[in-house]
Amino acid sequence: MKTIQELFPGIAIMDETDVEVRNPFSGETAVLTPEEVAVYDYIKGCELMGDYTGVRKGLDWFAKTNPEAYMTLLD
């Protein structure tokens, strides 16, 4: 299985502990690991830049890795 850095070149994973992230539309929250926060931020950055290939790649990873958080934050 490829690492996050291999799947998402240039992604930065911080040393922070688990982080609570809020869905800006529903207000629901999910606690994410540092790796999940990095991919979440990647997805949001790709959205802002109009990189929908990157968005899809991130969403696919997230749906497989943490389906509950995916449904709460990104679906």
Protein backbone atom coordinates (compact mmCIF):
# COMPACT_ATOMS: atom_id res chain seq x y z
CA MET A 1 0.00 0.00 0.00
CA LYS A 2 1.33 3.44 -0.90
CA THR A 3 2.11 5.97 1.81
CA ILE A 4 0.26 9.28 2.02
CA GLN A 5 3.37 11.06 0.75
CA GLU A 6 3.44 8.77 -2.29
CA LEU A 7 -0.27 9.28 -2.97
CA PHE A 8 -0.21 13.03 -2.34
CA PRO A 9 3.29 14.35 -3.16
CA GLY A 10 4.23 17.43 -1.16
CA ILE A 11 1.57 16.89 1.52
CA ALA A 12 2.61 18.06 4.99
CA ILE A 13 1.66 16.01 8.04
CA MET A 14 1.92 17.90 11.31
CA ASP A 15 2.91 16.40 14.67
CA GLU A 16 -0.30 17.54 16.34
CA THR A 17 -2.50 15.06 18.15
CA ASP A 18 -5.98 14.20 16.93
CA VAL A 19 -7.88 17.30 15.78
CA GLU A 20 -11.60 18.03 15.82
CA VAL A 21 -12.73 19.34 12.43
CA ARG A 22 -16.13 20.97 11.86
CA ASN A 23 -18.21 20.67 8.71
CA PRO A 24 -18.84 24.32 7.74
CA PHE A 25 -22.28 23.50 6.34
CA SER A 26 -23.80 21.11 8.91
CA GLY A 27 -21.80 22.07 11.99
CA GLU A 28 -21.10 18.39 12.71
CA THR A 29 -17.61 17.47 13.87
CA ALA A 30 -15.21 14.56 13.51
CA VAL A 31 -11.90 13.85 15.21
CA LEU A 32 -9.15 13.24 12.66
CA THR A 33 -5.63 11.84 12.89
CA PRO A 34 -2.77 14.05 11.67
CA GLU A 35 -2.73 12.14 8.36
CA GLU A 36 -6.47 12.62 7.91
CA VAL A 37 -6.17 16.34 8.68
CA ALA A 38 -3.47 16.62 6.01
CA VAL A 39 -5.66 14.93 3.39
CA TYR A 40 -8.71 16.98 4.48
CA ASP A 41 -6.67 20.17 4.02
CA TYR A 42 -5.43 18.85 0.66
CA ILE A 43 -9.03 18.30 -0.48
CA LYS A 44 -10.12 21.78 0.62
CA GLY A 45 -7.08 23.34 -1.07
CA CYS A 46 -7.81 21.49 -4.30
CA GLU A 47 -11.42 22.72 -4.14
CA LEU A 48 -10.22 26.33 -3.86
CA MET A 49 -7.84 25.88 -6.80
CA GLY A 50 -10.40 24.09 -8.98
CA ASP A 51 -8.31 20.89 -9.05
CA TYR A 52 -11.17 18.43 -9.11
CA THR A 53 -8.91 15.50 -9.97
CA GLY A 54 -7.11 16.15 -6.68
CA VAL A 55 -10.42 16.53 -4.86
CA ARG A 56 -11.63 13.17 -6.18
CA LYS A 57 -8.35 11.48 -5.28
CA GLY A 58 -8.58 12.83 -1.73
CA LEU A 59 -12.24 11.95 -1.35
CA ASP A 60 -11.61 8.38 -2.52
CA TRP A 61 -8.78 7.99 0.00
CA PHE A 62 -10.88 9.47 2.80
CA ALA A 63 -13.93 7.31 2.06
CA LYS A 64 -11.78 4.17 2.33
CA THR A 65 -9.70 5.28 5.31
CA ASN A 66 -12.36 6.79 7.58
CA PRO A 67 -15.87 6.39 6.11
CA GLU A 68 -17.61 7.83 9.18
CA ALA A 69 -15.59 11.07 9.09
CA TYR A 70 -15.99 11.18 5.30
CA MET A 71 -19.78 11.11 5.70
CA THR A 72 -19.67 13.76 8.42
CA LEU A 73 -17.24 16.20 6.80
CA LEU A 74 -17.12 15.63 3.06
CA ASP A 75 -20.24 13.89 1.74
